[in-house]
Amino acid sequence: TAESLQDRQLLRRTDAVAVRTLLPGIAVVKLGGASILDRGPE
């Protein structure tokens, strides 16, 4: 609250606590538009 958010050392300290994983068991699968959808039903 009383510090500059331009301070790089301060910003690095925000990583002191590990980022919480919210949905670790989810598999993310991306379908390419040009590579899959544009090729049609086949």
PDB file of all heavy atoms in Angstrom:
ATOM      1  N   THR A   1       0.803  -1.215   0.000  1.00  0.00           N
ATOM      2  CA  THR A   1       0.000   0.000   0.000  1.00  0.00           C
ATOM      3  C   THR A   1       0.839   1.269   0.000  1.00  0.00           C
ATOM      4  O   THR A   1       0.445   2.276  -0.585  1.00  0.00           O
ATOM      5  CB  THR A   1      -0.945   0.022   1.212  1.00  0.00           C
ATOM      6  OG1 THR A   1      -0.180  -0.162   2.412  1.00  0.00           O
ATOM      7  CG2 THR A   1      -1.996  -1.057   1.098  1.00  0.00           C
ATOM      8  N   ALA A   2       1.980   1.261   0.644  1.00  0.00           N
ATOM      9  CA  ALA A   2       2.790   2.469   0.754  1.00  0.00           C
ATOM     10  C   ALA A   2       4.047   2.412  -0.103  1.00  0.00           C
ATOM     11  O   ALA A   2       4.952   3.233   0.053  1.00  0.00           O
ATOM     12  CB  ALA A   2       3.175   2.705   2.218  1.00  0.00           C
ATOM     13  N   GLU A   3       4.115   1.436  -1.009  1.00  0.00           N
ATOM     14  CA  GLU A   3       5.316   1.270  -1.824  1.00  0.00           C
ATOM     15  C   GLU A   3       4.999   1.476  -3.309  1.00  0.00           C
ATOM     16  O   GLU A   3       3.843   1.387  -3.741  1.00  0.00           O
ATOM     17  CB  GLU A   3       5.899  -0.142  -1.619  1.00  0.00           C
ATOM     18  CG  GLU A   3       6.263  -0.479  -0.182  1.00  0.00           C
ATOM     19  CD  GLU A   3       7.449   0.324   0.326  1.00  0.00           C
ATOM     20  OE1 GLU A   3       8.197   0.848  -0.521  1.00  0.00           O
ATOM     21  OE2 GLU A   3       7.615   0.429   1.544  1.00  0.00           O
ATOM     22  N   SER A   4       6.030   1.751  -4.066  1.00  0.00           N
ATOM     23  CA  SER A   4       5.875   1.911  -5.504  1.00  0.00           C
ATOM     24  C   SER A   4       5.827   0.546  -6.181  1.00  0.00           C
ATOM     25  O   SER A   4       6.656  -0.322  -5.914  1.00  0.00           O
ATOM     26  CB  SER A   4       7.052   2.711  -6.071  1.00  0.00           C
ATOM     27  OG  SER A   4       7.040   2.647  -7.491  1.00  0.00           O
ATOM     28  N   LEU A   5       4.859   0.373  -7.066  1.00  0.00           N
ATOM     29  CA  LEU A   5       4.769  -0.880  -7.811  1.00  0.00           C
ATOM     30  C   LEU A   5       5.755  -0.913  -8.980  1.00  0.00           C
ATOM     31  O   LEU A   5       5.704  -1.815  -9.815  1.00  0.00           O
ATOM     32  CB  LEU A   5       3.342  -1.101  -8.311  1.00  0.00           C
ATOM     33  CG  LEU A   5       2.297  -1.354  -7.214  1.00  0.00           C
ATOM     34  CD1 LEU A   5       0.944  -1.656  -7.822  1.00  0.00           C
ATOM     35  CD2 LEU A   5       2.731  -2.480  -6.289  1.00  0.00           C
ATOM     36  N   GLN A   6       6.638   0.077  -9.025  1.00  0.00           N
ATOM     37  CA  GLN A   6       7.735   0.064  -9.988  1.00  0.00           C
ATOM     38  C   GLN A   6       9.002  -0.558  -9.374  1.00  0.00           C
ATOM     39  O   GLN A   6      10.000  -0.740 -10.061  1.00  0.00           O
ATOM     40  CB  GLN A   6       8.052   1.492 -10.458  1.00  0.00           C
ATOM     41  CG  GLN A   6       6.854   2.251 -10.994  1.00  0.00           C
ATOM     42  CD  GLN A   6       6.167   1.523 -12.145  1.00  0.00           C
ATOM     43  OE1 GLN A   6       6.833   0.954 -13.003  1.00  0.00           O
ATOM     44  NE2 GLN A   6       4.848   1.517 -12.141  1.00  0.00           N
ATOM     45  N   ASP A   7       8.948  -0.839  -8.079  1.00  0.00           N
ATOM     46  CA  ASP A   7      10.097  -1.393  -7.371  1.00  0.00           C
ATOM     47  C   ASP A   7      10.223  -2.882  -7.710  1.00  0.00           C
ATOM     48  O   ASP A   7       9.406  -3.703  -7.276  1.00  0.00           O
ATOM     49  CB  ASP A   7       9.894  -1.198  -5.859  1.00  0.00           C
ATOM     50  CG  ASP A   7      11.106  -1.639  -5.043  1.00  0.00           C
ATOM     51  OD1 ASP A   7      11.840  -2.539  -5.496  1.00  0.00           O
ATOM     52  OD2 ASP A   7      11.302  -1.096  -3.949  1.00  0.00           O
ATOM     53  N   ARG A   8      11.248  -3.254  -8.460  1.00  0.00           N
ATOM     54  CA  ARG A   8      11.387  -4.635  -8.910  1.00  0.00           C
ATOM     55  C   ARG A   8      11.633  -5.603  -7.752  1.00  0.00           C
ATOM     56  O   ARG A   8      11.158  -6.735  -7.771  1.00  0.00           O
ATOM     57  CB  ARG A   8      12.515  -4.737  -9.940  1.00  0.00           C
ATOM     58  CG  ARG A   8      12.198  -4.026 -11.249  1.00  0.00           C
ATOM     59  CD  ARG A   8      13.272  -4.261 -12.285  1.00  0.00           C
ATOM     60  NE  ARG A   8      12.968  -3.583 -13.523  1.00  0.00           N
ATOM     61  CZ  ARG A   8      12.175  -4.076 -14.484  1.00  0.00           C
ATOM     62  NH1 ARG A   8      11.631  -5.259 -14.321  1.00  0.00           N
ATOM     63  NH2 ARG A   8      11.954  -3.395 -15.585  1.00  0.00           N
ATOM     64  N   GLN A   9      12.383  -5.168  -6.757  1.00  0.00           N
ATOM     65  CA  GLN A   9      12.621  -6.043  -5.604  1.00  0.00           C
ATOM     66  C   GLN A   9      11.321  -6.309  -4.862  1.00  0.00           C
ATOM     67  O   GLN A   9      11.058  -7.430  -4.425  1.00  0.00           O
ATOM     68  CB  GLN A   9      13.660  -5.411  -4.678  1.00  0.00           C
ATOM     69  CG  GLN A   9      15.068  -5.399  -5.253  1.00  0.00           C
ATOM     70  CD  GLN A   9      16.086  -4.919  -4.245  1.00  0.00           C
ATOM     71  OE1 GLN A   9      15.738  -4.482  -3.146  1.00  0.00           O
ATOM     72  NE2 GLN A   9      17.366  -5.010  -4.607  1.00  0.00           N
ATOM     73  N   LEU A  10      10.513  -5.286  -4.717  1.00  0.00           N
ATOM     74  CA  LEU A  10       9.210  -5.447  -4.074  1.00  0.00           C
ATOM     75  C   LEU A  10       8.340  -6.425  -4.863  1.00  0.00           C
ATOM     76  O   LEU A  10       7.707  -7.317  -4.286  1.00  0.00           O
ATOM     77  CB  LEU A  10       8.509  -4.095  -3.952  1.00  0.00           C
ATOM     78  CG  LEU A  10       7.087  -4.136  -3.379  1.00  0.00           C
ATOM     79  CD1 LEU A  10       7.111  -4.502  -1.906  1.00  0.00           C
ATOM     80  CD2 LEU A  10       6.393  -2.794  -3.584  1.00  0.00           C
ATOM     81  N   LEU A  11       8.320  -6.275  -6.175  1.00  0.00           N
ATOM     82  CA  LEU A  11       7.507  -7.155  -7.006  1.00  0.00           C
ATOM     83  C   LEU A  11       7.985  -8.602  -6.914  1.00  0.00           C
ATOM     84  O   LEU A  11       7.172  -9.525  -6.874  1.00  0.00           O
ATOM     85  CB  LEU A  11       7.542  -6.679  -8.459  1.00  0.00           C
ATOM     86  CG  LEU A  11       6.889  -5.320  -8.735  1.00  0.00           C
ATOM     87  CD1 LEU A  11       7.018  -4.955 -10.204  1.00  0.00           C
ATOM     88  CD2 LEU A  11       5.419  -5.313  -8.314  1.00  0.00           C
ATOM     89  N   ARG A  12       9.300  -8.794  -6.855  1.00  0.00           N
ATOM     90  CA  ARG A  12       9.816 -10.160  -6.724  1.00  0.00           C
ATOM     91  C   ARG A  12       9.366 -10.797  -5.415  1.00  0.00           C
ATOM     92  O   ARG A  12       9.131 -12.002  -5.343  1.00  0.00           O
ATOM     93  CB  ARG A  12      11.337 -10.159  -6.835  1.00  0.00           C
ATOM     94  CG  ARG A  12      11.861 -10.082  -8.270  1.00  0.00           C
ATOM     95  CD  ARG A  12      13.335 -10.447  -8.337  1.00  0.00           C
ATOM     96  NE  ARG A  12      14.161  -9.425  -7.707  1.00  0.00           N
ATOM     97  CZ  ARG A  12      14.682  -8.378  -8.344  1.00  0.00           C
ATOM     98  NH1 ARG A  12      14.436  -8.208  -9.633  1.00  0.00           N
ATOM     99  NH2 ARG A  12      15.435  -7.512  -7.710  1.00  0.00           N
ATOM    100  N   ARG A  13       9.234  -9.980  -4.380  1.00  0.00           N
ATOM    101  CA  ARG A  13       8.825 -10.531  -3.081  1.00  0.00           C
ATOM    102  C   ARG A  13       7.374 -10.998  -3.077  1.00  0.00           C
ATOM    103  O   ARG A  13       6.974 -11.764  -2.193  1.00  0.00           O
ATOM    104  CB  ARG A  13       9.056  -9.492  -1.969  1.00  0.00           C
ATOM    105  CG  ARG A  13      10.534  -9.259  -1.662  1.00  0.00           C
ATOM    106  CD  ARG A  13      10.723  -8.621  -0.291  1.00  0.00           C
ATOM    107  NE  ARG A  13      10.167  -7.285  -0.212  1.00  0.00           N
ATOM    108  CZ  ARG A  13      10.840  -6.161  -0.515  1.00  0.00           C
ATOM    109  NH1 ARG A  13      12.094  -6.239  -0.945  1.00  0.00           N
ATOM    110  NH2 ARG A  13      10.269  -4.982  -0.400  1.00  0.00           N
ATOM    111  N   THR A  14       6.585 -10.549  -4.050  1.00  0.00           N
ATOM    112  CA  THR A  14       5.199 -11.034  -4.106  1.00  0.00           C
ATOM    113  C   THR A  14       5.144 -12.506  -4.507  1.00  0.00           C
ATOM    114  O   THR A  14       4.083 -13.134  -4.432  1.00  0.00           O
ATOM    115  CB  THR A  14       4.351 -10.200  -5.088  1.00  0.00           C
ATOM    116  OG1 THR A  14       4.897 -10.321  -6.401  1.00  0.00           O
ATOM    117  CG2 THR A  14       4.309  -8.739  -4.675  1.00  0.00           C
ATOM    118  N   ASP A  15       6.273 -13.047  -4.954  1.00  0.00           N
ATOM    119  CA  ASP A  15       6.339 -14.471  -5.299  1.00  0.00           C
ATOM    120  C   ASP A  15       6.751 -15.326  -4.104  1.00  0.00           C
ATOM    121  O   ASP A  15       7.002 -16.525  -4.261  1.00  0.00           O
ATOM    122  CB  ASP A  15       7.341 -14.691  -6.442  1.00  0.00           C
ATOM    123  CG  ASP A  15       6.636 -14.904  -7.774  1.00  0.00           C
ATOM    124  OD1 ASP A  15       5.434 -15.227  -7.753  1.00  0.00           O
ATOM    125  OD2 ASP A  15       7.282 -14.751  -8.815  1.00  0.00           O
ATOM    126  N   ALA A  16       6.819 -14.717  -2.926  1.00  0.00           N
ATOM    127  CA  ALA A  16       7.278 -15.463  -1.746  1.00  0.00           C
ATOM    128  C   ALA A  16       6.326 -16.615  -1.410  1.00  0.00           C
ATOM    129  O   ALA A  16       6.744 -17.659  -0.914  1.00  0.00           O
ATOM    130  CB  ALA A  16       7.408 -14.521  -0.548  1.00  0.00           C
ATOM    131  N   VAL A  17       5.056 -16.420  -1.682  1.00  0.00           N
ATOM    132  CA  VAL A  17       4.058 -17.476  -1.461  1.00  0.00           C
ATOM    133  C   VAL A  17       3.743 -18.119  -2.802  1.00  0.00           C
ATOM    134  O   VAL A  17       3.479 -17.424  -3.787  1.00  0.00           O
ATOM    135  CB  VAL A  17       2.775 -16.896  -0.834  1.00  0.00           C
ATOM    136  CG1 VAL A  17       1.718 -17.988  -0.688  1.00  0.00           C
ATOM    137  CG2 VAL A  17       3.079 -16.257   0.504  1.00  0.00           C
ATOM    138  N   ALA A  18       3.791 -19.423  -2.855  1.00  0.00           N
ATOM    139  CA  ALA A  18       3.545 -20.146  -4.105  1.00  0.00           C
ATOM    140  C   ALA A  18       2.140 -19.874  -4.616  1.00  0.00           C
ATOM    141  O   ALA A  18       1.188 -19.733  -3.844  1.00  0.00           O
ATOM    142  CB  ALA A  18       3.737 -21.643  -3.889  1.00  0.00           C
ATOM    143  N   VAL A  19       2.019 -19.792  -5.942  1.00  0.00           N
ATOM    144  CA  VAL A  19       0.706 -19.581  -6.557  1.00  0.00           C
ATOM    145  C   VAL A  19      -0.159 -20.823  -6.341  1.00  0.00           C
ATOM    146  O   VAL A  19       0.297 -21.955  -6.557  1.00  0.00           O
ATOM    147  CB  VAL A  19       0.848 -19.308  -8.069  1.00  0.00           C
ATOM    148  CG1 VAL A  19      -0.521 -19.092  -8.702  1.00  0.00           C
ATOM    149  CG2 VAL A  19       1.737 -18.090  -8.302  1.00  0.00           C
ATOM    150  N   ARG A  20      -1.363 -20.605  -5.912  1.00  0.00           N
ATOM    151  CA  ARG A  20      -2.281 -21.721  -5.636  1.00  0.00           C
ATOM    152  C   ARG A  20      -2.827 -22.293  -6.947  1.00  0.00           C
ATOM    153  O   ARG A  20      -3.258 -21.550  -7.833  1.00  0.00           O
ATOM    154  CB  ARG A  20      -3.436 -21.234  -4.765  1.00  0.00           C
ATOM    155  CG  ARG A  20      -4.365 -22.343  -4.286  1.00  0.00           C
ATOM    156  CD  ARG A  20      -5.513 -21.746  -3.464  1.00  0.00           C
ATOM    157  NE  ARG A  20      -4.987 -21.044  -2.298  1.00  0.00           N
ATOM    158  CZ  ARG A  20      -4.706 -21.616  -1.130  1.00  0.00           C
ATOM    159  NH1 ARG A  20      -4.869 -22.927  -1.002  1.00  0.00           N
ATOM    160  NH2 ARG A  20      -4.264 -20.890  -0.117  1.00  0.00           N
ATOM    161  N   THR A  21      -2.812 -23.600  -7.082  1.00  0.00           N
ATOM    162  CA  THR A  21      -3.408 -24.252  -8.249  1.00  0.00           C
ATOM    163  C   THR A  21      -4.894 -24.466  -7.985  1.00  0.00           C
ATOM    164  O   THR A  21      -5.283 -25.078  -7.001  1.00  0.00           O
ATOM    165  CB  THR A  21      -2.723 -25.602  -8.535  1.00  0.00           C
ATOM    166  OG1 THR A  21      -2.775 -26.415  -7.365  1.00  0.00           O
ATOM    167  CG2 THR A  21      -1.285 -25.401  -8.946  1.00  0.00           C
ATOM    168  N   LEU A  22      -5.717 -23.939  -8.871  1.00  0.00           N
ATOM    169  CA  LEU A  22      -7.163 -23.978  -8.664  1.00  0.00           C
ATOM    170  C   LEU A  22      -7.800 -25.241  -9.234  1.00  0.00           C
ATOM    171  O   LEU A  22      -8.670 -25.847  -8.613  1.00  0.00           O
ATOM    172  CB  LEU A  22      -7.805 -22.737  -9.297  1.00  0.00           C
ATOM    173  CG  LEU A  22      -7.263 -21.393  -8.793  1.00  0.00           C
ATOM    174  CD1 LEU A  22      -7.959 -20.248  -9.526  1.00  0.00           C
ATOM    175  CD2 LEU A  22      -7.442 -21.256  -7.286  1.00  0.00           C
ATOM    176  N   LEU A  23      -7.385 -25.632 -10.425  1.00  0.00           N
ATOM    177  CA  LEU A  23      -7.961 -26.820 -11.071  1.00  0.00           C
ATOM    178  C   LEU A  23      -6.832 -27.679 -11.655  1.00  0.00           C
ATOM    179  O   LEU A  23      -6.717 -27.852 -12.874  1.00  0.00           O
ATOM    180  CB  LEU A  23      -8.933 -26.400 -12.189  1.00  0.00           C
ATOM    181  CG  LEU A  23     -10.176 -25.620 -11.768  1.00  0.00           C
ATOM    182  CD1 LEU A  23     -10.925 -25.096 -12.995  1.00  0.00           C
ATOM    183  CD2 LEU A  23     -11.097 -26.491 -10.930  1.00  0.00           C
ATOM    184  N   PRO A  24      -5.981 -28.239 -10.806  1.00  0.00           N
ATOM    185  CA  PRO A  24      -4.796 -28.948 -11.311  1.00  0.00           C
ATOM    186  C   PRO A  24      -5.096 -30.212 -12.095  1.00  0.00           C
ATOM    187  O   PRO A  24      -4.292 -30.648 -12.912  1.00  0.00           O
ATOM    188  CB  PRO A  24      -4.011 -29.265 -10.035  1.00  0.00           C
ATOM    189  CG  PRO A  24      -5.047 -29.298  -8.949  1.00  0.00           C
ATOM    190  CD  PRO A  24      -6.048 -28.256  -9.332  1.00  0.00           C
ATOM    191  N   GLY A  25      -6.246 -30.825 -11.867  1.00  0.00           N
ATOM    192  CA  GLY A  25      -6.541 -32.094 -12.533  1.00  0.00           C
ATOM    193  C   GLY A  25      -7.196 -31.955 -13.890  1.00  0.00           C
ATOM    194  O   GLY A  25      -7.530 -32.959 -14.518  1.00  0.00           O
ATOM    195  N   ILE A  26      -7.368 -30.730 -14.355  1.00  0.00           N
ATOM    196  CA  ILE A  26      -8.045 -30.512 -15.635  1.00  0.00           C
ATOM    197  C   ILE A  26      -7.057 -30.636 -16.789  1.00  0.00           C
ATOM    198  O   ILE A  26      -5.948 -30.118 -16.736  1.00  0.00           O
ATOM    199  CB  ILE A  26      -8.702 -29.118 -15.665  1.00  0.00           C
ATOM    200  CG1 ILE A  26      -9.662 -28.952 -14.482  1.00  0.00           C
ATOM    201  CG2 ILE A  26      -9.433 -28.894 -16.990  1.00  0.00           C
ATOM    202  CD1 ILE A  26     -10.723 -30.003 -14.385  1.00  0.00           C
ATOM    203  N   ALA A  27      -7.466 -31.318 -17.845  1.00  0.00           N
ATOM    204  CA  ALA A  27      -6.667 -31.395 -19.067  1.00  0.00           C
ATOM    205  C   ALA A  27      -7.201 -30.368 -20.059  1.00  0.00           C
ATOM    206  O   ALA A  27      -8.392 -30.368 -20.385  1.00  0.00           O
ATOM    207  CB  ALA A  27      -6.744 -32.796 -19.663  1.00  0.00           C
ATOM    208  N   VAL A  28      -6.321 -29.486 -20.516  1.00  0.00           N
ATOM    209  CA  VAL A  28      -6.701 -28.468 -21.494  1.00  0.00           C
ATOM    210  C   VAL A  28      -6.262 -28.941 -22.877  1.00  0.00           C
ATOM    211  O   VAL A  28      -5.083 -29.222 -23.101  1.00  0.00           O
ATOM    212  CB  VAL A  28      -6.050 -27.112 -21.167  1.00  0.00           C
ATOM    213  CG1 VAL A  28      -6.447 -26.063 -22.207  1.00  0.00           C
ATOM    214  CG2 VAL A  28      -6.451 -26.651 -19.774  1.00  0.00           C
ATOM    215  N   VAL A  29      -7.217 -29.040 -23.793  1.00  0.00           N
ATOM    216  CA  VAL A  29      -6.946 -29.524 -25.147  1.00  0.00           C
ATOM    217  C   VAL A  29      -7.396 -28.465 -26.141  1.00  0.00           C
ATOM    218  O   VAL A  29      -8.561 -28.066 -26.148  1.00  0.00           O
ATOM    219  CB  VAL A  29      -7.686 -30.850 -25.429  1.00  0.00           C
ATOM    220  CG1 VAL A  29      -7.423 -31.314 -26.855  1.00  0.00           C
ATOM    221  CG2 VAL A  29      -7.259 -31.921 -24.426  1.00  0.00           C
ATOM    222  N   LYS A  30      -6.468 -28.008 -26.964  1.00  0.00           N
ATOM    223  CA  LYS A  30      -6.795 -26.958 -27.939  1.00  0.00           C
ATOM    224  C   LYS A  30      -6.874 -27.534 -29.343  1.00  0.00           C
ATOM    225  O   LYS A  30      -5.922 -28.147 -29.830  1.00  0.00           O
ATOM    226  CB  LYS A  30      -5.749 -25.851 -27.870  1.00  0.00           C
ATOM    227  CG  LYS A  30      -6.198 -24.575 -28.585  1.00  0.00           C
ATOM    228  CD  LYS A  30      -5.551 -24.417 -29.944  1.00  0.00           C
ATOM    229  CE  LYS A  30      -6.072 -23.147 -30.623  1.00  0.00           C
ATOM    230  NZ  LYS A  30      -5.290 -22.751 -31.791  1.00  0.00           N
ATOM    231  N   LEU A  31      -8.006 -27.334 -30.020  1.00  0.00           N
ATOM    232  CA  LEU A  31      -8.181 -27.786 -31.391  1.00  0.00           C
ATOM    233  C   LEU A  31      -7.806 -26.651 -32.340  1.00  0.00           C
ATOM    234  O   LEU A  31      -8.385 -25.562 -32.279  1.00  0.00           O
ATOM    235  CB  LEU A  31      -9.637 -28.209 -31.646  1.00  0.00           C
ATOM    236  CG  LEU A  31     -10.211 -29.310 -30.754  1.00  0.00           C
ATOM    237  CD1 LEU A  31     -11.601 -29.690 -31.238  1.00  0.00           C
ATOM    238  CD2 LEU A  31      -9.303 -30.523 -30.726  1.00  0.00           C
ATOM    239  N   GLY A  32      -6.856 -26.909 -33.205  1.00  0.00           N
ATOM    240  CA  GLY A  32      -6.453 -25.886 -34.164  1.00  0.00           C
ATOM    241  C   GLY A  32      -7.566 -25.581 -35.145  1.00  0.00           C
ATOM    242  O   GLY A  32      -8.214 -26.484 -35.676  1.00  0.00           O
ATOM    243  N   GLY A  33      -7.791 -24.284 -35.376  1.00  0.00           N
ATOM    244  CA  GLY A  33      -8.826 -23.895 -36.327  1.00  0.00           C
ATOM    245  C   GLY A  33      -8.451 -24.278 -37.751  1.00  0.00           C
ATOM    246  O   GLY A  33      -9.196 -24.979 -38.448  1.00  0.00           O
ATOM    247  N   ALA A  34      -7.279 -23.825 -38.197  1.00  0.00           N
ATOM    248  CA  ALA A  34      -6.839 -24.123 -39.558  1.00  0.00           C
ATOM    249  C   ALA A  34      -6.458 -25.591 -39.730  1.00  0.00           C
ATOM    250  O   ALA A  34      -6.733 -26.198 -40.761  1.00  0.00           O
ATOM    251  CB  ALA A  34      -5.659 -23.228 -39.930  1.00  0.00           C
ATOM    252  N   SER A  35      -5.844 -26.167 -38.693  1.00  0.00           N
ATOM    253  CA  SER A  35      -5.312 -27.518 -38.832  1.00  0.00           C
ATOM    254  C   SER A  35      -6.360 -28.613 -38.663  1.00  0.00           C
ATOM    255  O   SER A  35      -6.209 -29.709 -39.211  1.00  0.00           O
ATOM    256  CB  SER A  35      -4.171 -27.740 -37.830  1.00  0.00           C
ATOM    257  OG  SER A  35      -4.566 -27.379 -36.530  1.00  0.00           O
ATOM    258  N   ILE A  36      -7.431 -28.349 -37.920  1.00  0.00           N
ATOM    259  CA  ILE A  36      -8.440 -29.386 -37.683  1.00  0.00           C
ATOM    260  C   ILE A  36      -9.815 -28.970 -38.236  1.00  0.00           C
ATOM    261  O   ILE A  36     -10.356 -29.619 -39.128  1.00  0.00           O
ATOM    262  CB  ILE A  36      -8.551 -29.720 -36.181  1.00  0.00           C
ATOM    263  CG1 ILE A  36      -7.216 -30.238 -35.640  1.00  0.00           C
ATOM    264  CG2 ILE A  36      -9.655 -30.752 -35.957  1.00  0.00           C
ATOM    265  CD1 ILE A  36      -6.727 -31.522 -36.276  1.00  0.00           C
ATOM    266  N   LEU A  37     -10.371 -27.861 -37.737  1.00  0.00           N
ATOM    267  CA  LEU A  37     -11.730 -27.500 -38.144  1.00  0.00           C
ATOM    268  C   LEU A  37     -11.831 -27.200 -39.633  1.00  0.00           C
ATOM    269  O   LEU A  37     -12.780 -27.642 -40.298  1.00  0.00           O
ATOM    270  CB  LEU A  37     -12.224 -26.291 -37.342  1.00  0.00           C
ATOM    271  CG  LEU A  37     -12.946 -26.637 -36.037  1.00  0.00           C
ATOM    272  CD1 LEU A  37     -11.931 -26.980 -34.952  1.00  0.00           C
ATOM    273  CD2 LEU A  37     -13.836 -25.494 -35.585  1.00  0.00           C
ATOM    274  N   ASP A  38     -10.883 -26.460 -40.172  1.00  0.00           N
ATOM    275  CA  ASP A  38     -10.978 -26.065 -41.575  1.00  0.00           C
ATOM    276  C   ASP A  38     -10.826 -27.227 -42.540  1.00  0.00           C
ATOM    277  O   ASP A  38     -11.125 -27.100 -43.725  1.00  0.00           O
ATOM    278  CB  ASP A  38      -9.915 -25.000 -41.897  1.00  0.00           C
ATOM    279  CG  ASP A  38     -10.214 -23.669 -41.233  1.00  0.00           C
ATOM    280  OD1 ASP A  38     -11.329 -23.501 -40.708  1.00  0.00           O
ATOM    281  OD2 ASP A  38      -9.331 -22.784 -41.237  1.00  0.00           O
ATOM    282  N   ARG A  39     -10.362 -28.356 -42.049  1.00  0.00           N
ATOM    283  CA  ARG A  39     -10.216 -29.541 -42.899  1.00  0.00           C
ATOM    284  C   ARG A  39     -11.544 -30.266 -43.104  1.00  0.00           C
ATOM    285  O   ARG A  39     -11.620 -31.222 -43.887  1.00  0.00           O
ATOM    286  CB  ARG A  39      -9.189 -30.501 -42.301  1.00  0.00           C
ATOM    287  CG  ARG A  39      -7.752 -30.009 -42.436  1.00  0.00           C
ATOM    288  CD  ARG A  39      -6.791 -30.986 -41.775  1.00  0.00           C
ATOM    289  NE  ARG A  39      -5.407 -30.650 -42.040  1.00  0.00           N
ATOM    290  CZ  ARG A  39      -4.691 -31.066 -43.068  1.00  0.00           C
ATOM    291  NH1 ARG A  39      -5.259 -31.866 -43.962  1.00  0.00           N
ATOM    292  NH2 ARG A  39      -3.437 -30.702 -43.228  1.00  0.00           N
ATOM    293  N   GLY A  40     -12.568 -29.859 -42.372  1.00  0.00           N
ATOM    294  CA  GLY A  40     -13.880 -30.431 -42.583  1.00  0.00           C
ATOM    295  C   GLY A  40     -14.152 -31.697 -41.785  1.00  0.00           C
ATOM    296  O   GLY A  40     -13.375 -32.070 -40.903  1.00  0.00           O
ATOM    297  N   PRO A  41     -15.251 -32.378 -42.089  1.00  0.00           N
ATOM    298  CA  PRO A  41     -15.686 -33.526 -41.284  1.00  0.00           C
ATOM    299  C   PRO A  41     -14.693 -34.669 -41.232  1.00  0.00           C
ATOM    300  O   PRO A  41     -14.617 -35.377 -40.232  1.00  0.00           O
ATOM    301  CB  PRO A  41     -17.000 -33.952 -41.958  1.00  0.00           C
ATOM    302  CG  PRO A  41     -16.988 -33.337 -43.320  1.00  0.00           C
ATOM    303  CD  PRO A  41     -16.204 -32.079 -43.181  1.00  0.00           C
ATOM    304  N   GLU A  42     -13.916 -34.875 -42.301  1.00  0.00           N
ATOM    305  CA  GLU A  42     -12.969 -35.989 -42.310  1.00  0.00           C
ATOM    306  C   GLU A  42     -11.934 -35.851 -41.198  1.00  0.00           C
ATOM    307  O   GLU A  42     -11.476 -36.842 -40.628  1.00  0.00           O
ATOM    308  CB  GLU A  42     -12.258 -36.087 -43.662  1.00  0.00           C
ATOM    309  CG  GLU A  42     -13.156 -36.460 -44.837  1.00  0.00           C
ATOM    310  CD  GLU A  42     -13.985 -35.281 -45.343  1.00  0.00           C
ATOM    311  OE1 GLU A  42     -13.721 -34.132 -44.912  1.00  0.00           O
ATOM    312  OE2 GLU A  42     -14.898 -35.513 -46.154  1.00  0.00           O
TER     313      GLU A  42
END
